[in-house]
Amino acid sequence: MYTLRKNYYPYASPFDPCPPIPVKSYPTPPNLYLGFQPYGLPQFSPKEALCSGTLWPVFYDPYYNPYEKPLREER
């Protein structure tokens, strides 16, 4: 199973004057994991497609900032 967000652990020098960020992450686009576009993919409605920026939900990838706290905590 693939993930749309990858993590890596940068080197933190003991002489670095700033506190390090131990884990950094970066997004990967969904089209990396789909070799070709198969026939019969589900489609958004025209209004949803304009709002999301793509016609197919498989290629929809909203950006979430991993360093911001969520607006609402899940319980």
PDB file of N, CA and C in Angstrom:
ATOM      1  N   MET A   1       0.847  -1.182   0.000  1.00  0.00           N
ATOM      2  CA  MET A   1       0.000   0.000   0.000  1.00  0.00           C
ATOM      3  C   MET A   1       0.889   1.241   0.000  1.00  0.00           C
ATOM      4  N   TYR A   2       0.544   2.197  -0.780  1.00  0.00           N
ATOM      5  CA  TYR A   2       1.328   3.417  -0.868  1.00  0.00           C
ATOM      6  C   TYR A   2       0.713   4.496   0.024  1.00  0.00           C
ATOM      7  N   THR A   3       1.497   5.503   0.332  1.00  0.00           N
ATOM      8  CA  THR A   3       0.999   6.661   1.075  1.00  0.00           C
ATOM      9  C   THR A   3       1.299   7.900   0.261  1.00  0.00           C
ATOM     10  N   LEU A   4       0.461   8.902   0.385  1.00  0.00           N
ATOM     11  CA  LEU A   4       0.657  10.138  -0.359  1.00  0.00           C
ATOM     12  C   LEU A   4       1.605  11.093   0.359  1.00  0.00           C
ATOM     13  N   ARG A   5       1.998  10.779   1.578  1.00  0.00           N
ATOM     14  CA  ARG A   5       2.950  11.604   2.319  1.00  0.00           C
ATOM     15  C   ARG A   5       4.079  10.722   2.805  1.00  0.00           C
ATOM     16  N   LYS A   6       5.306  11.082   2.447  1.00  0.00           N
ATOM     17  CA  LYS A   6       6.501  10.334   2.841  1.00  0.00           C
ATOM     18  C   LYS A   6       7.228  11.098   3.943  1.00  0.00           C
ATOM     19  N   ASN A   7       7.948  10.388   4.772  1.00  0.00           N
ATOM     20  CA  ASN A   7       8.723  10.981   5.862  1.00  0.00           C
ATOM     21  C   ASN A   7      10.201  10.651   5.694  1.00  0.00           C
ATOM     22  N   TYR A   8      11.031  11.558   6.155  1.00  0.00           N
ATOM     23  CA  TYR A   8      12.466  11.263   6.237  1.00  0.00           C
ATOM     24  C   TYR A   8      13.033  11.921   7.485  1.00  0.00           C
ATOM     25  N   TYR A   9      14.162  11.408   7.932  1.00  0.00           N
ATOM     26  CA  TYR A   9      14.783  11.836   9.177  1.00  0.00           C
ATOM     27  C   TYR A   9      16.127  12.489   8.850  1.00  0.00           C
ATOM     28  N   PRO A  10      16.190  13.824   8.815  1.00  0.00           N
ATOM     29  CA  PRO A  10      17.443  14.491   8.470  1.00  0.00           C
ATOM     30  C   PRO A  10      18.459  14.397   9.606  1.00  0.00           C
ATOM     31  N   TYR A  11      19.708  14.541   9.231  1.00  0.00           N
ATOM     32  CA  TYR A  11      20.789  14.538  10.212  1.00  0.00           C
ATOM     33  C   TYR A  11      20.700  15.804  11.068  1.00  0.00           C
ATOM     34  N   ALA A  12      20.822  15.663  12.361  1.00  0.00           N
ATOM     35  CA  ALA A  12      20.825  16.796  13.281  1.00  0.00           C
ATOM     36  C   ALA A  12      22.207  16.879  13.921  1.00  0.00           C
ATOM     37  N   SER A  13      22.918  17.931  13.609  1.00  0.00           N
ATOM     38  CA  SER A  13      24.263  18.114  14.140  1.00  0.00           C
ATOM     39  C   SER A  13      24.202  18.530  15.612  1.00  0.00           C
ATOM     40  N   PRO A  14      25.125  18.079  16.433  1.00  0.00           N
ATOM     41  CA  PRO A  14      25.147  18.529  17.831  1.00  0.00           C
ATOM     42  C   PRO A  14      25.556  19.992  17.953  1.00  0.00           C
ATOM     43  N   PHE A  15      26.115  20.564  16.891  1.00  0.00           N
ATOM     44  CA  PHE A  15      26.558  21.959  16.919  1.00  0.00           C
ATOM     45  C   PHE A  15      25.553  22.919  16.285  1.00  0.00           C
ATOM     46  N   ASP A  16      24.391  22.405  15.895  1.00  0.00           N
ATOM     47  CA  ASP A  16      23.363  23.241  15.287  1.00  0.00           C
ATOM     48  C   ASP A  16      22.767  24.161  16.347  1.00  0.00           C
ATOM     49  N   PRO A  17      22.725  25.480  16.111  1.00  0.00           N
ATOM     50  CA  PRO A  17      22.222  26.393  17.141  1.00  0.00           C
ATOM     51  C   PRO A  17      20.700  26.357  17.300  1.00  0.00           C
ATOM     52  N   CYS A  18      19.987  25.848  16.317  1.00  0.00           N
ATOM     53  CA  CYS A  18      18.519  25.801  16.388  1.00  0.00           C
ATOM     54  C   CYS A  18      18.059  24.392  16.755  1.00  0.00           C
ATOM     55  N   PRO A  19      16.934  24.273  17.421  1.00  0.00           N
ATOM     56  CA  PRO A  19      16.423  22.936  17.691  1.00  0.00           C
ATOM     57  C   PRO A  19      15.992  22.271  16.383  1.00  0.00           C
ATOM     58  N   PRO A  20      16.392  21.046  16.161  1.00  0.00           N
ATOM     59  CA  PRO A  20      16.087  20.399  14.882  1.00  0.00           C
ATOM     60  C   PRO A  20      14.642  19.919  14.808  1.00  0.00           C
ATOM     61  N   ILE A  21      14.169  19.784  13.573  1.00  0.00           N
ATOM     62  CA  ILE A  21      12.893  19.132  13.320  1.00  0.00           C
ATOM     63  C   ILE A  21      13.234  17.670  13.063  1.00  0.00           C
ATOM     64  N   PRO A  22      12.856  16.759  13.960  1.00  0.00           N
ATOM     65  CA  PRO A  22      13.335  15.377  13.842  1.00  0.00           C
ATOM     66  C   PRO A  22      12.785  14.630  12.628  1.00  0.00           C
ATOM     67  N   VAL A  23      11.551  14.905  12.242  1.00  0.00           N
ATOM     68  CA  VAL A  23      10.952  14.210  11.105  1.00  0.00           C
ATOM     69  C   VAL A  23      10.405  15.248  10.148  1.00  0.00           C
ATOM     70  N   LYS A  24      10.811  15.161   8.898  1.00  0.00           N
ATOM     71  CA  LYS A  24      10.278  16.040   7.864  1.00  0.00           C
ATOM     72  C   LYS A  24       9.466  15.190   6.905  1.00  0.00           C
ATOM     73  N   SER A  25       8.462  15.805   6.300  1.00  0.00           N
ATOM     74  CA  SER A  25       7.619  15.048   5.386  1.00  0.00           C
ATOM     75  C   SER A  25       7.407  15.838   4.108  1.00  0.00           C
ATOM     76  N   TYR A  26       7.054  15.119   3.058  1.00  0.00           N
ATOM     77  CA  TYR A  26       6.779  15.742   1.771  1.00  0.00           C
ATOM     78  C   TYR A  26       5.677  14.951   1.065  1.00  0.00           C
ATOM     79  N   PRO A  27       4.856  15.643   0.282  1.00  0.00           N
ATOM     80  CA  PRO A  27       3.776  14.946  -0.418  1.00  0.00           C
ATOM     81  C   PRO A  27       4.265  14.356  -1.737  1.00  0.00           C
ATOM     82  N   THR A  28       3.641  13.273  -2.148  1.00  0.00           N
ATOM     83  CA  THR A  28       3.896  12.693  -3.460  1.00  0.00           C
ATOM     84  C   THR A  28       2.586  12.691  -4.237  1.00  0.00           C
ATOM     85  N   PRO A  29       2.620  12.981  -5.517  1.00  0.00           N
ATOM     86  CA  PRO A  29       1.381  13.034  -6.293  1.00  0.00           C
ATOM     87  C   PRO A  29       0.819  11.635  -6.541  1.00  0.00           C
ATOM     88  N   PRO A  30      -0.507  11.509  -6.598  1.00  0.00           N
ATOM     89  CA  PRO A  30      -1.115  10.192  -6.790  1.00  0.00           C
ATOM     90  C   PRO A  30      -0.816   9.571  -8.149  1.00  0.00           C
ATOM     91  N   ASN A  31      -0.483  10.376  -9.145  1.00  0.00           N
ATOM     92  CA  ASN A  31      -0.225   9.804 -10.475  1.00  0.00           C
ATOM     93  C   ASN A  31       1.074   9.001 -10.518  1.00  0.00           C
ATOM     94  N   LEU A  32       1.920   9.075  -9.480  1.00  0.00           N
ATOM     95  CA  LEU A  32       3.117   8.242  -9.437  1.00  0.00           C
ATOM     96  C   LEU A  32       2.778   6.772  -9.273  1.00  0.00           C
ATOM     97  N   TYR A  33       1.640   6.493  -8.658  1.00  0.00           N
ATOM     98  CA  TYR A  33       1.282   5.128  -8.308  1.00  0.00           C
ATOM     99  C   TYR A  33       0.256   4.517  -9.264  1.00  0.00           C
ATOM    100  N   LEU A  34      -0.120   5.258 -10.281  1.00  0.00           N
ATOM    101  CA  LEU A  34      -1.057   4.760 -11.282  1.00  0.00           C
ATOM    102  C   LEU A  34      -0.308   4.743 -12.604  1.00  0.00           C
ATOM    103  N   GLY A  35       0.042   3.553 -13.078  1.00  0.00           N
ATOM    104  CA  GLY A  35       0.879   3.434 -14.266  1.00  0.00           C
ATOM    105  C   GLY A  35       0.278   4.094 -15.497  1.00  0.00           C
ATOM    106  N   PHE A  36      -0.983   3.866 -15.733  1.00  0.00           N
ATOM    107  CA  PHE A  36      -1.681   4.491 -16.839  1.00  0.00           C
ATOM    108  C   PHE A  36      -3.109   4.716 -16.383  1.00  0.00           C
ATOM    109  N   GLN A  37      -3.827   5.544 -17.111  1.00  0.00           N
ATOM    110  CA  GLN A  37      -5.191   5.847 -16.722  1.00  0.00           C
ATOM    111  C   GLN A  37      -6.126   4.790 -17.299  1.00  0.00           C
ATOM    112  N   PRO A  38      -6.683   3.928 -16.456  1.00  0.00           N
ATOM    113  CA  PRO A  38      -7.556   2.877 -16.965  1.00  0.00           C
ATOM    114  C   PRO A  38      -8.915   3.422 -17.407  1.00  0.00           C
ATOM    115  N   TYR A  39      -9.615   2.637 -18.193  1.00  0.00           N
ATOM    116  CA  TYR A  39     -10.947   3.017 -18.649  1.00  0.00           C
ATOM    117  C   TYR A  39     -11.938   2.895 -17.502  1.00  0.00           C
ATOM    118  N   GLY A  40     -12.977   3.705 -17.551  1.00  0.00           N
ATOM    119  CA  GLY A  40     -14.081   3.583 -16.612  1.00  0.00           C
ATOM    120  C   GLY A  40     -13.817   4.114 -15.216  1.00  0.00           C
ATOM    121  N   LEU A  41     -12.887   5.047 -15.061  1.00  0.00           N
ATOM    122  CA  LEU A  41     -12.662   5.630 -13.739  1.00  0.00           C
ATOM    123  C   LEU A  41     -13.870   6.472 -13.348  1.00  0.00           C
ATOM    124  N   PRO A  42     -14.249   6.469 -12.069  1.00  0.00           N
ATOM    125  CA  PRO A  42     -15.342   7.352 -11.648  1.00  0.00           C
ATOM    126  C   PRO A  42     -14.936   8.808 -11.817  1.00  0.00           C
ATOM    127  N   GLN A  43     -15.925   9.672 -12.054  1.00  0.00           N
ATOM    128  CA  GLN A  43     -15.651  11.085 -12.293  1.00  0.00           C
ATOM    129  C   GLN A  43     -16.438  11.945 -11.321  1.00  0.00           C
ATOM    130  N   PHE A  44     -15.847  13.117 -11.020  1.00  0.00           N
ATOM    131  CA  PHE A  44     -16.559  14.125 -10.247  1.00  0.00           C
ATOM    132  C   PHE A  44     -17.633  14.746 -11.124  1.00  0.00           C
ATOM    133  N   SER A  45     -18.609  15.389 -10.485  1.00  0.00           N
ATOM    134  CA  SER A  45     -19.550  16.212 -11.246  1.00  0.00           C
ATOM    135  C   SER A  45     -18.780  17.436 -11.749  1.00  0.00           C
ATOM    136  N   PRO A  46     -19.294  18.143 -12.761  1.00  0.00           N
ATOM    137  CA  PRO A  46     -18.543  19.305 -13.268  1.00  0.00           C
ATOM    138  C   PRO A  46     -18.225  20.351 -12.194  1.00  0.00           C
ATOM    139  N   LYS A  47     -19.160  20.604 -11.295  1.00  0.00           N
ATOM    140  CA  LYS A  47     -18.905  21.597 -10.239  1.00  0.00           C
ATOM    141  C   LYS A  47     -17.827  21.109  -9.282  1.00  0.00           C
ATOM    142  N   GLU A  48     -17.902  19.840  -8.865  1.00  0.00           N
ATOM    143  CA  GLU A  48     -16.877  19.281  -7.970  1.00  0.00           C
ATOM    144  C   GLU A  48     -15.517  19.243  -8.661  1.00  0.00           C
ATOM    145  N   ALA A  49     -15.506  18.958  -9.965  1.00  0.00           N
ATOM    146  CA  ALA A  49     -14.243  18.910 -10.701  1.00  0.00           C
ATOM    147  C   ALA A  49     -13.575  20.276 -10.738  1.00  0.00           C
ATOM    148  N   LEU A  50     -14.364  21.327 -10.915  1.00  0.00           N
ATOM    149  CA  LEU A  50     -13.784  22.675 -10.912  1.00  0.00           C
ATOM    150  C   LEU A  50     -13.249  23.046  -9.531  1.00  0.00           C
ATOM    151  N   CYS A  51     -13.932  22.625  -8.491  1.00  0.00           N
ATOM    152  CA  CYS A  51     -13.477  22.936  -7.124  1.00  0.00           C
ATOM    153  C   CYS A  51     -12.241  22.145  -6.731  1.00  0.00           C
ATOM    154  N   SER A  52     -12.148  20.890  -7.193  1.00  0.00           N
ATOM    155  CA  SER A  52     -11.020  20.051  -6.792  1.00  0.00           C
ATOM    156  C   SER A  52      -9.840  20.148  -7.746  1.00  0.00           C
ATOM    157  N   GLY A  53     -10.051  20.615  -8.956  1.00  0.00           N
ATOM    158  CA  GLY A  53      -8.951  20.784  -9.896  1.00  0.00           C
ATOM    159  C   GLY A  53      -8.666  19.564 -10.749  1.00  0.00           C
ATOM    160  N   THR A  54      -9.488  18.539 -10.651  1.00  0.00           N
ATOM    161  CA  THR A  54      -9.316  17.343 -11.467  1.00  0.00           C
ATOM    162  C   THR A  54     -10.683  16.708 -11.699  1.00  0.00           C
ATOM    163  N   LEU A  55     -10.795  15.971 -12.771  1.00  0.00           N
ATOM    164  CA  LEU A  55     -12.058  15.313 -13.092  1.00  0.00           C
ATOM    165  C   LEU A  55     -12.198  13.979 -12.371  1.00  0.00           C
ATOM    166  N   TRP A  56     -11.079  13.351 -12.036  1.00  0.00           N
ATOM    167  CA  TRP A  56     -11.118  12.008 -11.462  1.00  0.00           C
ATOM    168  C   TRP A  56     -10.725  12.036  -9.988  1.00  0.00           C
ATOM    169  N   PRO A  57     -11.515  11.404  -9.112  1.00  0.00           N
ATOM    170  CA  PRO A  57     -11.177  11.371  -7.684  1.00  0.00           C
ATOM    171  C   PRO A  57      -9.861  10.651  -7.386  1.00  0.00           C
ATOM    172  N   VAL A  58      -9.439   9.757  -8.266  1.00  0.00           N
ATOM    173  CA  VAL A  58      -8.171   9.048  -8.058  1.00  0.00           C
ATOM    174  C   VAL A  58      -6.995  10.032  -8.045  1.00  0.00           C
ATOM    175  N   PHE A  59      -7.096  11.095  -8.830  1.00  0.00           N
ATOM    176  CA  PHE A  59      -6.006  12.066  -8.940  1.00  0.00           C
ATOM    177  C   PHE A  59      -6.157  13.245  -7.984  1.00  0.00           C
ATOM    178  N   TYR A  60      -7.197  13.278  -7.189  1.00  0.00           N
ATOM    179  CA  TYR A  60      -7.417  14.384  -6.254  1.00  0.00           C
ATOM    180  C   TYR A  60      -6.486  14.229  -5.059  1.00  0.00           C
ATOM    181  N   ASP A  61      -5.727  15.268  -4.770  1.00  0.00           N
ATOM    182  CA  ASP A  61      -4.772  15.252  -3.667  1.00  0.00           C
ATOM    183  C   ASP A  61      -4.767  16.622  -3.000  1.00  0.00           C
ATOM    184  N   PRO A  62      -5.599  16.835  -1.980  1.00  0.00           N
ATOM    185  CA  PRO A  62      -5.587  18.137  -1.309  1.00  0.00           C
ATOM    186  C   PRO A  62      -4.321  18.295  -0.481  1.00  0.00           C
ATOM    187  N   TYR A  63      -3.898  19.525  -0.303  1.00  0.00           N
ATOM    188  CA  TYR A  63      -2.692  19.794   0.481  1.00  0.00           C
ATOM    189  C   TYR A  63      -3.079  20.032   1.933  1.00  0.00           C
ATOM    190  N   TYR A  64      -2.424  19.323   2.828  1.00  0.00           N
ATOM    191  CA  TYR A  64      -2.565  19.544   4.257  1.00  0.00           C
ATOM    192  C   TYR A  64      -1.184  19.837   4.808  1.00  0.00           C
ATOM    193  N   ASN A  65      -1.079  20.913   5.578  1.00  0.00           N
ATOM    194  CA  ASN A  65       0.196  21.270   6.180  1.00  0.00           C
ATOM    195  C   ASN A  65       0.444  20.363   7.379  1.00  0.00           C
ATOM    196  N   PRO A  66       1.489  19.552   7.360  1.00  0.00           N
ATOM    197  CA  PRO A  66       1.713  18.616   8.468  1.00  0.00           C
ATOM    198  C   PRO A  66       2.200  19.301   9.737  1.00  0.00           C
ATOM    199  N   TYR A  67       2.652  20.551   9.647  1.00  0.00           N
ATOM    200  CA  TYR A  67       3.205  21.230  10.811  1.00  0.00           C
ATOM    201  C   TYR A  67       2.179  22.066  11.560  1.00  0.00           C
ATOM    202  N   GLU A  68       1.002  22.272  10.958  1.00  0.00           N
ATOM    203  CA  GLU A  68      -0.051  23.009  11.647  1.00  0.00           C
ATOM    204  C   GLU A  68      -0.894  22.046  12.471  1.00  0.00           C
ATOM    205  N   LYS A  69      -1.385  22.530  13.576  1.00  0.00           N
ATOM    206  CA  LYS A  69      -2.268  21.704  14.389  1.00  0.00           C
ATOM    207  C   LYS A  69      -3.628  21.615  13.690  1.00  0.00           C
ATOM    208  N   PRO A  70      -4.288  20.477  13.808  1.00  0.00           N
ATOM    209  CA  PRO A  70      -5.619  20.360  13.212  1.00  0.00           C
ATOM    210  C   PRO A  70      -6.594  21.355  13.860  1.00  0.00           C
ATOM    211  N   LEU A  71      -7.545  21.845  13.066  1.00  0.00           N
ATOM    212  CA  LEU A  71      -8.507  22.789  13.605  1.00  0.00           C
ATOM    213  C   LEU A  71      -9.429  22.143  14.627  1.00  0.00           C
ATOM    214  N   ARG A  72      -9.767  20.882  14.375  1.00  0.00           N
ATOM    215  CA  ARG A  72     -10.659  20.183  15.291  1.00  0.00           C
ATOM    216  C   ARG A  72     -10.012  18.850  15.657  1.00  0.00           C
ATOM    217  N   GLU A  73      -9.932  18.577  16.925  1.00  0.00           N
ATOM    218  CA  GLU A  73      -9.321  17.330  17.384  1.00  0.00           C
ATOM    219  C   GLU A  73     -10.303  16.170  17.189  1.00  0.00           C
ATOM    220  N   GLU A  74      -9.798  15.057  16.678  1.00  0.00           N
ATOM    221  CA  GLU A  74     -10.618  13.862  16.537  1.00  0.00           C
ATOM    222  C   GLU A  74     -10.635  13.127  17.865  1.00  0.00           C
ATOM    223  N   ARG A  75     -11.787  12.694  18.300  1.00  0.00           N
ATOM    224  CA  ARG A  75     -11.890  11.962  19.572  1.00  0.00           C
ATOM    225  C   ARG A  75     -12.358  10.564  19.352  1.00  0.00           C
TER     226      ARG A  75
END
